[in-house]
N, C-alpha and C. Protein backbone atom coordinates (compact mmCIF):
# COMPACT_ATOMS: atom_id res chain seq x y z
N MET A 1 79.83 46.94 -37.96
CA MET A 1 78.61 47.74 -37.88
C MET A 1 78.55 48.68 -39.08
N SER A 2 77.37 48.77 -39.68
CA SER A 2 77.17 49.64 -40.83
C SER A 2 77.23 51.10 -40.42
N THR A 3 77.88 51.92 -41.22
CA THR A 3 77.92 53.35 -40.96
C THR A 3 76.68 54.00 -41.56
N HIS A 4 76.43 55.24 -41.15
CA HIS A 4 75.31 55.97 -41.74
C HIS A 4 75.50 56.11 -43.25
N ALA A 5 76.72 56.43 -43.67
CA ALA A 5 76.98 56.62 -45.09
C ALA A 5 76.71 55.35 -45.89
N LYS A 6 77.15 54.21 -45.36
CA LYS A 6 76.93 52.95 -46.08
C LYS A 6 75.45 52.63 -46.16
N ARG A 7 74.72 52.86 -45.09
CA ARG A 7 73.28 52.59 -45.10
C ARG A 7 72.56 53.47 -46.11
N GLU A 8 72.92 54.76 -46.13
CA GLU A 8 72.27 55.67 -47.07
C GLU A 8 72.69 55.37 -48.51
N ARG A 9 73.91 54.90 -48.69
CA ARG A 9 74.37 54.51 -50.03
C ARG A 9 73.50 53.38 -50.58
N LEU A 10 73.31 52.36 -49.77
CA LEU A 10 72.53 51.21 -50.22
C LEU A 10 71.07 51.58 -50.46
N LEU A 11 70.53 52.45 -49.60
CA LEU A 11 69.16 52.91 -49.81
C LEU A 11 69.05 53.69 -51.12
N LEU A 12 70.00 54.58 -51.37
CA LEU A 12 69.99 55.36 -52.61
C LEU A 12 70.04 54.43 -53.82
N ALA A 13 70.92 53.44 -53.78
CA ALA A 13 71.01 52.50 -54.90
C ALA A 13 69.69 51.77 -55.10
N ASP A 14 69.07 51.33 -54.02
CA ASP A 14 67.79 50.62 -54.13
C ASP A 14 66.71 51.53 -54.71
N LEU A 15 66.68 52.77 -54.27
CA LEU A 15 65.67 53.71 -54.76
C LEU A 15 65.88 54.00 -56.25
N LEU A 16 67.12 54.19 -56.65
CA LEU A 16 67.41 54.44 -58.06
C LEU A 16 67.04 53.23 -58.92
N GLU A 17 67.35 52.06 -58.42
CA GLU A 17 67.03 50.84 -59.15
C GLU A 17 65.52 50.69 -59.32
N ALA A 18 64.78 50.91 -58.25
CA ALA A 18 63.33 50.76 -58.30
C ALA A 18 62.67 51.81 -59.18
N ALA A 19 63.23 53.03 -59.18
CA ALA A 19 62.62 54.12 -59.93
C ALA A 19 62.86 54.02 -61.43
N GLY A 20 63.98 53.41 -61.82
CA GLY A 20 64.33 53.37 -63.23
C GLY A 20 65.02 54.65 -63.67
N PRO A 21 65.53 54.69 -64.91
CA PRO A 21 66.40 55.79 -65.35
C PRO A 21 65.70 57.09 -65.70
N THR A 22 64.38 57.08 -65.85
CA THR A 22 63.70 58.29 -66.33
C THR A 22 62.73 58.87 -65.31
N ALA A 23 62.90 58.53 -64.05
CA ALA A 23 62.02 59.07 -63.01
C ALA A 23 62.46 60.48 -62.63
N PRO A 24 61.54 61.32 -62.18
CA PRO A 24 61.91 62.67 -61.75
C PRO A 24 62.67 62.65 -60.44
N THR A 25 63.38 63.73 -60.17
CA THR A 25 64.06 63.93 -58.88
C THR A 25 63.80 65.37 -58.44
N LEU A 26 64.20 65.69 -57.22
CA LEU A 26 64.07 67.07 -56.75
C LEU A 26 65.15 67.98 -57.31
N CYS A 27 66.16 67.41 -57.95
CA CYS A 27 67.23 68.21 -58.56
C CYS A 27 66.72 68.76 -59.89
N GLU A 28 66.60 70.06 -59.97
CA GLU A 28 65.99 70.69 -61.14
C GLU A 28 66.70 70.28 -62.42
N GLY A 29 65.93 69.75 -63.36
CA GLY A 29 66.47 69.36 -64.66
C GLY A 29 67.08 67.96 -64.69
N TRP A 30 67.11 67.27 -63.58
CA TRP A 30 67.73 65.95 -63.52
C TRP A 30 66.68 64.85 -63.38
N LEU A 31 66.83 63.83 -64.21
CA LEU A 31 66.13 62.57 -63.99
C LEU A 31 67.03 61.66 -63.16
N THR A 32 66.54 60.49 -62.82
CA THR A 32 67.33 59.59 -62.00
C THR A 32 68.64 59.19 -62.67
N ARG A 33 68.67 59.07 -63.98
CA ARG A 33 69.93 58.75 -64.67
C ARG A 33 70.96 59.85 -64.42
N ASP A 34 70.54 61.11 -64.51
CA ASP A 34 71.45 62.23 -64.28
C ASP A 34 71.99 62.21 -62.85
N LEU A 35 71.11 61.92 -61.90
CA LEU A 35 71.52 61.88 -60.50
C LEU A 35 72.51 60.75 -60.27
N ALA A 36 72.24 59.59 -60.84
CA ALA A 36 73.14 58.45 -60.68
C ALA A 36 74.52 58.76 -61.26
N ALA A 37 74.55 59.38 -62.44
CA ALA A 37 75.83 59.72 -63.06
C ALA A 37 76.59 60.72 -62.20
N HIS A 38 75.89 61.69 -61.64
CA HIS A 38 76.53 62.68 -60.76
C HIS A 38 77.19 62.00 -59.56
N VAL A 39 76.49 61.07 -58.93
CA VAL A 39 77.03 60.40 -57.75
C VAL A 39 78.28 59.60 -58.12
N VAL A 40 78.23 58.90 -59.24
CA VAL A 40 79.37 58.08 -59.66
C VAL A 40 80.58 58.94 -60.00
N VAL A 41 80.36 60.00 -60.75
CA VAL A 41 81.47 60.88 -61.13
C VAL A 41 82.10 61.52 -59.90
N ARG A 42 81.27 61.99 -58.98
CA ARG A 42 81.78 62.62 -57.76
C ARG A 42 82.69 61.68 -56.99
N GLU A 43 82.33 60.39 -56.96
CA GLU A 43 83.07 59.45 -56.15
C GLU A 43 84.24 58.80 -56.89
N ARG A 44 84.11 58.61 -58.17
CA ARG A 44 85.09 57.83 -58.92
C ARG A 44 85.99 58.65 -59.84
N ARG A 45 85.65 59.90 -60.09
CA ARG A 45 86.47 60.72 -60.99
C ARG A 45 86.81 62.05 -60.34
N PRO A 46 87.71 62.03 -59.36
CA PRO A 46 88.09 63.28 -58.69
C PRO A 46 88.72 64.29 -59.65
N ASP A 47 89.29 63.80 -60.76
CA ASP A 47 89.88 64.71 -61.74
C ASP A 47 88.82 65.58 -62.41
N ALA A 48 87.58 65.11 -62.41
CA ALA A 48 86.49 65.87 -63.02
C ALA A 48 85.55 66.46 -61.99
N ALA A 49 85.41 65.78 -60.84
CA ALA A 49 84.45 66.22 -59.83
C ALA A 49 84.77 67.61 -59.28
N GLY A 50 86.02 68.03 -59.41
CA GLY A 50 86.37 69.37 -58.96
C GLY A 50 85.57 70.45 -59.65
N GLY A 51 85.02 70.11 -60.83
CA GLY A 51 84.21 71.06 -61.57
C GLY A 51 82.91 71.41 -60.87
N LEU A 52 82.55 70.65 -59.85
CA LEU A 52 81.36 70.99 -59.06
C LEU A 52 81.56 72.30 -58.30
N LEU A 53 82.83 72.62 -58.01
CA LEU A 53 83.15 73.81 -57.24
C LEU A 53 84.04 74.80 -57.97
N VAL A 54 84.84 74.30 -58.91
CA VAL A 54 85.82 75.15 -59.60
C VAL A 54 85.37 75.39 -61.04
N PRO A 55 84.99 76.61 -61.40
CA PRO A 55 84.49 76.89 -62.76
C PRO A 55 85.45 76.48 -63.87
N ALA A 56 86.75 76.57 -63.63
CA ALA A 56 87.72 76.24 -64.67
C ALA A 56 87.68 74.76 -65.05
N LEU A 57 87.15 73.93 -64.15
CA LEU A 57 87.09 72.50 -64.43
C LEU A 57 85.72 72.05 -64.90
N ARG A 58 84.82 73.00 -65.11
CA ARG A 58 83.44 72.63 -65.43
C ARG A 58 83.31 71.92 -66.76
N ASN A 59 84.07 72.33 -67.76
CA ASN A 59 83.98 71.67 -69.06
C ASN A 59 84.40 70.21 -68.96
N ARG A 60 85.45 69.96 -68.20
CA ARG A 60 85.88 68.57 -68.01
C ARG A 60 84.81 67.77 -67.27
N LEU A 61 84.21 68.37 -66.27
CA LEU A 61 83.14 67.68 -65.54
C LEU A 61 82.00 67.33 -66.48
N GLU A 62 81.60 68.25 -67.32
CA GLU A 62 80.49 67.99 -68.24
C GLU A 62 80.85 66.88 -69.23
N ARG A 63 82.11 66.88 -69.69
CA ARG A 63 82.53 65.85 -70.65
C ARG A 63 82.54 64.47 -70.01
N VAL A 64 83.10 64.37 -68.81
CA VAL A 64 83.17 63.08 -68.13
C VAL A 64 81.77 62.61 -67.74
N THR A 65 80.93 63.53 -67.29
CA THR A 65 79.56 63.17 -66.93
C THR A 65 78.82 62.61 -68.14
N SER A 66 79.03 63.22 -69.30
CA SER A 66 78.38 62.72 -70.53
C SER A 66 78.80 61.29 -70.83
N GLU A 67 80.06 60.97 -70.55
CA GLU A 67 80.54 59.61 -70.78
C GLU A 67 79.81 58.62 -69.87
N TYR A 68 79.60 59.02 -68.63
CA TYR A 68 78.91 58.13 -67.70
C TYR A 68 77.41 58.04 -68.00
N LEU A 69 76.84 59.13 -68.49
CA LEU A 69 75.43 59.10 -68.85
C LEU A 69 75.17 58.11 -69.98
N ALA A 70 76.19 57.86 -70.78
CA ALA A 70 76.04 56.94 -71.90
C ALA A 70 76.13 55.47 -71.46
N LYS A 71 76.56 55.22 -70.24
CA LYS A 71 76.67 53.85 -69.75
C LYS A 71 75.28 53.30 -69.41
N PRO A 72 75.14 51.98 -69.40
CA PRO A 72 73.86 51.39 -68.99
C PRO A 72 73.49 51.86 -67.58
N TYR A 73 72.24 52.19 -67.37
CA TYR A 73 71.78 52.69 -66.08
C TYR A 73 72.06 51.69 -64.97
N GLU A 74 71.86 50.41 -65.26
CA GLU A 74 72.09 49.37 -64.25
C GLU A 74 73.54 49.37 -63.79
N GLU A 75 74.46 49.70 -64.69
CA GLU A 75 75.88 49.77 -64.32
C GLU A 75 76.13 50.92 -63.37
N LEU A 76 75.51 52.06 -63.62
CA LEU A 76 75.68 53.20 -62.73
C LEU A 76 75.18 52.88 -61.33
N VAL A 77 74.01 52.26 -61.26
CA VAL A 77 73.44 51.91 -59.95
C VAL A 77 74.35 50.94 -59.22
N GLN A 78 74.91 49.98 -59.95
CA GLN A 78 75.80 49.01 -59.32
C GLN A 78 77.09 49.66 -58.83
N LEU A 79 77.59 50.63 -59.56
CA LEU A 79 78.80 51.35 -59.13
C LEU A 79 78.54 52.11 -57.83
N ILE A 80 77.34 52.66 -57.69
CA ILE A 80 76.98 53.33 -56.44
C ILE A 80 76.89 52.31 -55.32
N ARG A 81 76.23 51.20 -55.58
CA ARG A 81 76.00 50.19 -54.54
C ARG A 81 77.29 49.56 -54.04
N THR A 82 78.24 49.32 -54.92
CA THR A 82 79.46 48.63 -54.53
C THR A 82 80.48 49.55 -53.86
N GLY A 83 80.26 50.86 -53.96
CA GLY A 83 81.12 51.77 -53.24
C GLY A 83 82.32 52.25 -54.04
N PRO A 84 83.19 53.01 -53.41
CA PRO A 84 84.31 53.65 -54.09
C PRO A 84 85.34 52.64 -54.57
N PRO A 85 86.13 53.01 -55.57
CA PRO A 85 87.18 52.11 -56.06
C PRO A 85 88.30 51.97 -55.04
N ARG A 86 89.14 50.97 -55.24
CA ARG A 86 90.29 50.77 -54.35
C ARG A 86 91.21 51.98 -54.42
N MET A 87 91.80 52.30 -53.30
CA MET A 87 92.71 53.43 -53.16
C MET A 87 92.00 54.78 -53.12
N SER A 88 90.68 54.78 -53.20
CA SER A 88 89.96 56.04 -53.09
C SER A 88 89.90 56.48 -51.63
N PRO A 89 90.05 57.78 -51.37
CA PRO A 89 89.92 58.23 -49.97
C PRO A 89 88.55 57.93 -49.39
N TYR A 90 87.54 57.81 -50.28
CA TYR A 90 86.20 57.47 -49.79
C TYR A 90 86.14 56.05 -49.23
N GLY A 91 87.17 55.25 -49.52
CA GLY A 91 87.22 53.91 -48.99
C GLY A 91 87.57 53.88 -47.51
N ILE A 92 88.06 54.97 -46.97
CA ILE A 92 88.36 55.08 -45.55
C ILE A 92 87.06 55.41 -44.82
N LYS A 93 86.70 54.60 -43.85
CA LYS A 93 85.39 54.72 -43.21
C LYS A 93 85.12 56.12 -42.70
N GLN A 94 86.10 56.73 -42.06
CA GLN A 94 85.89 58.05 -41.48
C GLN A 94 85.66 59.10 -42.57
N VAL A 95 86.39 58.98 -43.68
CA VAL A 95 86.21 59.92 -44.79
C VAL A 95 84.85 59.71 -45.44
N ASP A 96 84.50 58.46 -45.66
CA ASP A 96 83.21 58.12 -46.25
C ASP A 96 82.07 58.68 -45.40
N GLU A 97 82.18 58.49 -44.10
CA GLU A 97 81.13 58.97 -43.19
C GLU A 97 81.03 60.49 -43.22
N ALA A 98 82.16 61.16 -43.22
CA ALA A 98 82.16 62.62 -43.21
C ALA A 98 81.68 63.22 -44.53
N ALA A 99 82.07 62.60 -45.64
CA ALA A 99 81.79 63.19 -46.94
C ALA A 99 80.48 62.72 -47.56
N ASN A 100 80.01 61.53 -47.17
CA ASN A 100 78.90 60.93 -47.91
C ASN A 100 77.60 60.77 -47.13
N THR A 101 77.63 60.88 -45.83
CA THR A 101 76.39 60.68 -45.07
C THR A 101 75.31 61.65 -45.53
N VAL A 102 75.63 62.93 -45.54
CA VAL A 102 74.66 63.94 -45.96
C VAL A 102 74.38 63.84 -47.45
N GLU A 103 75.43 63.64 -48.24
CA GLU A 103 75.28 63.54 -49.69
C GLU A 103 74.27 62.46 -50.07
N PHE A 104 74.43 61.29 -49.50
CA PHE A 104 73.55 60.18 -49.87
C PHE A 104 72.16 60.34 -49.27
N TYR A 105 72.08 60.89 -48.05
CA TYR A 105 70.76 61.13 -47.47
C TYR A 105 69.95 62.08 -48.34
N VAL A 106 70.56 63.21 -48.71
CA VAL A 106 69.85 64.20 -49.51
C VAL A 106 69.44 63.63 -50.85
N HIS A 107 70.34 62.91 -51.51
CA HIS A 107 70.00 62.38 -52.83
C HIS A 107 68.98 61.25 -52.75
N ALA A 108 68.99 60.48 -51.68
CA ALA A 108 67.94 59.47 -51.50
C ALA A 108 66.58 60.16 -51.39
N GLU A 109 66.54 61.26 -50.66
CA GLU A 109 65.29 62.01 -50.54
C GLU A 109 64.93 62.71 -51.85
N ASP A 110 65.94 63.07 -52.65
CA ASP A 110 65.67 63.65 -53.97
C ASP A 110 64.87 62.67 -54.83
N VAL A 111 65.16 61.39 -54.69
CA VAL A 111 64.43 60.38 -55.45
C VAL A 111 63.07 60.11 -54.80
N ARG A 112 63.07 59.89 -53.48
CA ARG A 112 61.83 59.55 -52.78
C ARG A 112 60.78 60.64 -52.90
N ARG A 113 61.18 61.88 -52.64
CA ARG A 113 60.19 62.95 -52.52
C ARG A 113 59.74 63.53 -53.85
N ALA A 114 60.34 63.08 -54.92
CA ALA A 114 59.86 63.47 -56.25
C ALA A 114 58.68 62.60 -56.69
N GLN A 115 58.39 61.56 -55.92
CA GLN A 115 57.28 60.66 -56.24
C GLN A 115 56.01 61.17 -55.55
N PRO A 116 54.85 60.99 -56.18
CA PRO A 116 53.62 61.56 -55.61
C PRO A 116 53.16 60.91 -54.31
N ASP A 117 53.59 59.69 -54.03
CA ASP A 117 53.06 58.97 -52.86
C ASP A 117 54.09 58.84 -51.74
N TRP A 118 55.07 59.74 -51.67
CA TRP A 118 56.13 59.60 -50.68
C TRP A 118 55.61 59.96 -49.28
N THR A 119 56.26 59.38 -48.30
CA THR A 119 55.97 59.71 -46.90
C THR A 119 57.29 59.92 -46.18
N PRO A 120 57.32 60.78 -45.16
CA PRO A 120 58.58 61.02 -44.44
C PRO A 120 59.11 59.76 -43.78
N ARG A 121 60.43 59.61 -43.77
CA ARG A 121 61.06 58.50 -43.08
C ARG A 121 61.15 58.81 -41.59
N GLU A 122 61.06 57.78 -40.77
CA GLU A 122 61.32 57.94 -39.35
C GLU A 122 62.76 57.55 -39.09
N LEU A 123 63.57 58.52 -38.70
CA LEU A 123 64.99 58.28 -38.49
C LEU A 123 65.26 58.02 -37.02
N ASP A 124 66.21 57.14 -36.74
CA ASP A 124 66.56 56.88 -35.35
C ASP A 124 67.30 58.08 -34.77
N ARG A 125 67.32 58.16 -33.44
CA ARG A 125 67.88 59.33 -32.77
C ARG A 125 69.36 59.52 -33.08
N VAL A 126 70.10 58.43 -33.16
CA VAL A 126 71.54 58.54 -33.43
C VAL A 126 71.78 59.19 -34.79
N PHE A 127 71.03 58.77 -35.80
CA PHE A 127 71.19 59.35 -37.12
C PHE A 127 70.73 60.80 -37.13
N ALA A 128 69.60 61.08 -36.47
CA ALA A 128 69.11 62.45 -36.40
C ALA A 128 70.15 63.36 -35.75
N ASP A 129 70.78 62.88 -34.68
CA ASP A 129 71.81 63.69 -34.01
C ASP A 129 73.03 63.88 -34.90
N ALA A 130 73.35 62.86 -35.70
CA ALA A 130 74.48 62.99 -36.63
C ALA A 130 74.19 64.07 -37.67
N LEU A 131 72.96 64.12 -38.18
CA LEU A 131 72.59 65.15 -39.14
C LEU A 131 72.58 66.53 -38.49
N TRP A 132 72.12 66.59 -37.25
CA TRP A 132 72.14 67.86 -36.53
C TRP A 132 73.57 68.37 -36.33
N SER A 133 74.48 67.45 -36.06
CA SER A 133 75.89 67.83 -35.91
C SER A 133 76.42 68.47 -37.19
N ARG A 134 76.00 67.94 -38.34
CA ARG A 134 76.43 68.52 -39.61
C ARG A 134 75.87 69.93 -39.78
N LEU A 135 74.64 70.13 -39.31
CA LEU A 135 74.06 71.47 -39.39
C LEU A 135 74.80 72.44 -38.46
N GLU A 136 75.19 71.96 -37.30
CA GLU A 136 75.94 72.81 -36.37
C GLU A 136 77.27 73.23 -36.98
N LYS A 137 77.90 72.33 -37.72
CA LYS A 137 79.21 72.61 -38.29
C LYS A 137 79.12 73.36 -39.62
N GLY A 138 78.10 73.05 -40.41
CA GLY A 138 78.04 73.60 -41.76
C GLY A 138 76.85 74.48 -42.07
N GLY A 139 76.04 74.78 -41.06
CA GLY A 139 74.84 75.56 -41.30
C GLY A 139 75.11 76.93 -41.90
N ARG A 140 76.16 77.59 -41.43
CA ARG A 140 76.46 78.92 -41.95
C ARG A 140 76.91 78.88 -43.41
N MET A 141 77.62 77.83 -43.77
CA MET A 141 78.00 77.68 -45.17
C MET A 141 76.76 77.48 -46.05
N MET A 142 75.83 76.64 -45.57
CA MET A 142 74.64 76.36 -46.35
C MET A 142 73.70 77.56 -46.43
N GLY A 143 73.69 78.37 -45.37
CA GLY A 143 72.76 79.49 -45.34
C GLY A 143 73.35 80.82 -45.74
N ARG A 144 74.57 80.84 -46.21
CA ARG A 144 75.28 82.10 -46.45
C ARG A 144 74.61 82.96 -47.51
N LYS A 145 73.85 82.35 -48.43
CA LYS A 145 73.21 83.11 -49.51
C LYS A 145 71.80 83.56 -49.14
N SER A 146 71.37 83.26 -47.94
CA SER A 146 70.02 83.63 -47.55
C SER A 146 69.85 85.15 -47.55
N PRO A 147 68.76 85.65 -48.11
CA PRO A 147 68.52 87.10 -48.13
C PRO A 147 67.98 87.62 -46.80
N VAL A 148 67.69 86.71 -45.87
CA VAL A 148 67.17 87.10 -44.56
C VAL A 148 67.93 86.34 -43.48
N GLY A 149 67.84 86.81 -42.23
CA GLY A 149 68.41 86.05 -41.14
C GLY A 149 67.72 84.70 -41.05
N LEU A 150 68.50 83.66 -40.75
CA LEU A 150 67.95 82.31 -40.77
C LEU A 150 68.40 81.54 -39.53
N VAL A 151 67.43 81.13 -38.72
CA VAL A 151 67.69 80.34 -37.53
C VAL A 151 67.03 78.98 -37.69
N LEU A 152 67.79 77.92 -37.48
CA LEU A 152 67.28 76.55 -37.57
C LEU A 152 67.01 76.05 -36.16
N ARG A 153 65.83 75.49 -35.94
CA ARG A 153 65.47 75.07 -34.59
C ARG A 153 64.87 73.67 -34.59
N ARG A 154 65.42 72.83 -33.71
CA ARG A 154 64.85 71.50 -33.50
C ARG A 154 63.59 71.62 -32.63
N PRO A 155 62.72 70.62 -32.65
CA PRO A 155 61.54 70.66 -31.79
C PRO A 155 61.88 70.78 -30.30
N ASP A 156 63.08 70.33 -29.88
CA ASP A 156 63.45 70.42 -28.47
C ASP A 156 64.03 71.79 -28.10
N GLY A 157 64.08 72.70 -29.07
CA GLY A 157 64.52 74.06 -28.79
C GLY A 157 65.95 74.38 -29.16
N ARG A 158 66.78 73.39 -29.44
CA ARG A 158 68.16 73.67 -29.83
C ARG A 158 68.19 74.39 -31.17
N THR A 159 69.11 75.34 -31.31
CA THR A 159 69.12 76.16 -32.52
C THR A 159 70.51 76.26 -33.13
N VAL A 160 70.52 76.57 -34.42
CA VAL A 160 71.72 76.89 -35.17
C VAL A 160 71.42 78.15 -35.96
N VAL A 161 72.31 79.13 -35.90
CA VAL A 161 72.16 80.34 -36.72
C VAL A 161 72.83 80.07 -38.06
N ALA A 162 72.01 79.93 -39.10
CA ALA A 162 72.54 79.64 -40.43
C ALA A 162 72.92 80.91 -41.18
N HIS A 163 72.29 82.03 -40.81
CA HIS A 163 72.65 83.30 -41.45
C HIS A 163 72.25 84.44 -40.53
N ARG A 164 73.20 85.31 -40.26
CA ARG A 164 72.90 86.48 -39.42
C ARG A 164 72.35 87.60 -40.28
N GLY A 165 71.32 88.25 -39.80
CA GLY A 165 70.73 89.34 -40.55
C GLY A 165 69.35 89.64 -40.02
N ALA A 166 68.71 90.62 -40.63
CA ALA A 166 67.36 91.00 -40.25
C ALA A 166 66.58 91.32 -41.53
N PRO A 167 65.28 91.01 -41.54
CA PRO A 167 64.51 90.32 -40.49
C PRO A 167 64.92 88.85 -40.37
N VAL A 168 64.52 88.22 -39.28
CA VAL A 168 64.90 86.84 -39.00
C VAL A 168 63.73 85.90 -39.26
N VAL A 169 64.03 84.80 -39.91
CA VAL A 169 63.06 83.71 -40.09
C VAL A 169 63.56 82.51 -39.30
N THR A 170 62.70 81.94 -38.47
CA THR A 170 63.04 80.74 -37.72
C THR A 170 62.39 79.55 -38.39
N VAL A 171 63.21 78.56 -38.71
CA VAL A 171 62.73 77.34 -39.38
C VAL A 171 62.78 76.20 -38.37
N THR A 172 61.63 75.62 -38.07
CA THR A 172 61.56 74.56 -37.06
C THR A 172 61.22 73.23 -37.70
N GLY A 173 61.98 72.20 -37.32
CA GLY A 173 61.72 70.86 -37.84
C GLY A 173 62.76 69.89 -37.33
N GLU A 174 62.58 68.63 -37.68
CA GLU A 174 63.57 67.62 -37.34
C GLU A 174 64.87 67.91 -38.10
N PRO A 175 66.02 67.46 -37.57
CA PRO A 175 67.28 67.73 -38.24
C PRO A 175 67.29 67.32 -39.71
N SER A 176 66.69 66.18 -40.02
CA SER A 176 66.67 65.72 -41.42
C SER A 176 65.92 66.69 -42.32
N GLU A 177 64.84 67.27 -41.81
CA GLU A 177 64.06 68.21 -42.61
C GLU A 177 64.78 69.56 -42.72
N LEU A 178 65.41 69.98 -41.64
CA LEU A 178 66.18 71.23 -41.68
C LEU A 178 67.34 71.11 -42.66
N LEU A 179 67.94 69.93 -42.69
CA LEU A 179 69.04 69.70 -43.62
C LEU A 179 68.58 69.85 -45.06
N LEU A 180 67.44 69.25 -45.37
CA LEU A 180 66.90 69.38 -46.73
C LEU A 180 66.58 70.84 -47.05
N PHE A 181 66.06 71.55 -46.07
CA PHE A 181 65.75 72.96 -46.28
C PHE A 181 67.01 73.74 -46.64
N THR A 182 68.08 73.53 -45.89
CA THR A 182 69.31 74.28 -46.14
C THR A 182 70.04 73.82 -47.40
N PHE A 183 69.69 72.65 -47.92
CA PHE A 183 70.25 72.19 -49.18
C PHE A 183 69.42 72.63 -50.38
N GLY A 184 68.50 73.57 -50.15
CA GLY A 184 67.72 74.11 -51.25
C GLY A 184 66.49 73.32 -51.62
N ARG A 185 66.11 72.37 -50.77
CA ARG A 185 64.89 71.58 -51.03
C ARG A 185 63.74 72.11 -50.15
N GLN A 186 63.60 73.44 -50.10
CA GLN A 186 62.62 74.04 -49.20
C GLN A 186 61.21 73.54 -49.45
N GLY A 187 60.85 73.36 -50.71
CA GLY A 187 59.50 72.95 -51.04
C GLY A 187 59.14 71.56 -50.60
N ALA A 188 60.14 70.71 -50.36
CA ALA A 188 59.89 69.33 -49.97
C ALA A 188 60.16 69.08 -48.50
N ALA A 189 60.71 70.06 -47.80
CA ALA A 189 61.07 69.89 -46.39
C ALA A 189 59.86 70.11 -45.50
N LYS A 190 59.65 69.22 -44.54
CA LYS A 190 58.54 69.32 -43.59
C LYS A 190 58.97 70.19 -42.41
N VAL A 191 58.83 71.47 -42.57
CA VAL A 191 59.26 72.43 -41.55
C VAL A 191 58.19 73.50 -41.38
N ALA A 192 58.30 74.24 -40.28
CA ALA A 192 57.43 75.39 -40.04
C ALA A 192 58.28 76.64 -40.01
N LEU A 193 57.84 77.70 -40.69
CA LEU A 193 58.59 78.95 -40.76
C LEU A 193 57.85 80.04 -40.00
N GLU A 194 58.61 80.77 -39.19
CA GLU A 194 58.05 81.87 -38.42
C GLU A 194 58.82 83.14 -38.73
N GLY A 195 58.09 84.23 -38.90
CA GLY A 195 58.72 85.51 -39.16
C GLY A 195 57.83 86.39 -39.98
N ASP A 196 58.36 87.53 -40.38
CA ASP A 196 57.64 88.45 -41.24
C ASP A 196 57.22 87.74 -42.53
N GLU A 197 56.00 88.01 -42.99
CA GLU A 197 55.46 87.29 -44.16
C GLU A 197 56.36 87.42 -45.38
N ASP A 198 56.85 88.61 -45.64
CA ASP A 198 57.72 88.80 -46.80
C ASP A 198 59.05 88.08 -46.61
N ALA A 199 59.58 88.09 -45.40
CA ALA A 199 60.84 87.41 -45.12
C ALA A 199 60.68 85.90 -45.26
N VAL A 200 59.56 85.37 -44.79
CA VAL A 200 59.30 83.94 -44.92
C VAL A 200 59.25 83.54 -46.40
N ALA A 201 58.59 84.36 -47.20
CA ALA A 201 58.51 84.07 -48.64
C ALA A 201 59.89 84.05 -49.27
N LYS A 202 60.75 84.99 -48.85
CA LYS A 202 62.12 85.02 -49.39
C LYS A 202 62.90 83.78 -48.95
N ALA A 203 62.72 83.35 -47.70
CA ALA A 203 63.43 82.16 -47.21
C ALA A 203 63.00 80.92 -47.98
N ARG A 204 61.73 80.85 -48.34
CA ARG A 204 61.23 79.67 -49.05
C ARG A 204 61.80 79.55 -50.45
N THR A 205 62.17 80.65 -51.05
CA THR A 205 62.64 80.64 -52.44
C THR A 205 64.12 80.96 -52.59
N ALA A 206 64.82 81.13 -51.48
CA ALA A 206 66.25 81.48 -51.52
C ALA A 206 67.07 80.35 -52.13
N LYS A 207 68.16 80.70 -52.77
CA LYS A 207 69.08 79.73 -53.33
C LYS A 207 70.05 79.29 -52.23
N LEU A 208 69.63 78.36 -51.43
CA LEU A 208 70.46 77.88 -50.33
C LEU A 208 71.32 76.71 -50.78
N GLY A 209 72.30 76.37 -49.96
CA GLY A 209 73.16 75.23 -50.27
C GLY A 209 74.52 75.69 -50.73
N ILE A 210 75.33 74.68 -51.09
CA ILE A 210 76.71 74.97 -51.50
C ILE A 210 76.73 75.63 -52.88
């Protein structure tokens, strides 16, 4: 049975292939080639990918990323599609599912929603619940930089407190849309915001995410 991560991986590869190397994405300053190189480096070069979080490794990350950017775009897409190299921890299904489900979902939407004619995907309940579980576990990490209190709410009323504070803004939407919101894609997320007008404006422009 295909895992969520594998399904989203293949979708991302298909979207990148269809868009070509110079299409826009929701990642500020990145075209599809930049996004593809980022995904490949993160998965295949752990010696450099640490620079995503550790400033001391940033120069190495930039150097290695430049090397991958110079590769043919079709090769980058194929490296994403075929999955992690042998002996990679990402090759373990449980690790792949935990580390890549959200990563690939968000980046697939980065490609889809940068196009003028995009429409929201209809996700099955199992996948939606899996994304909600990630919000329950990681919502506070994603919302820690919010300048206002932030509550995430599903249409059925279930909530996650992403940031404690006042005034409070409540963001309502499907788990997939709430996830995009907390990953800093507020402008592309199909959600409704409730709260003080000034607080809502701050929530819409906050630097959320890791």
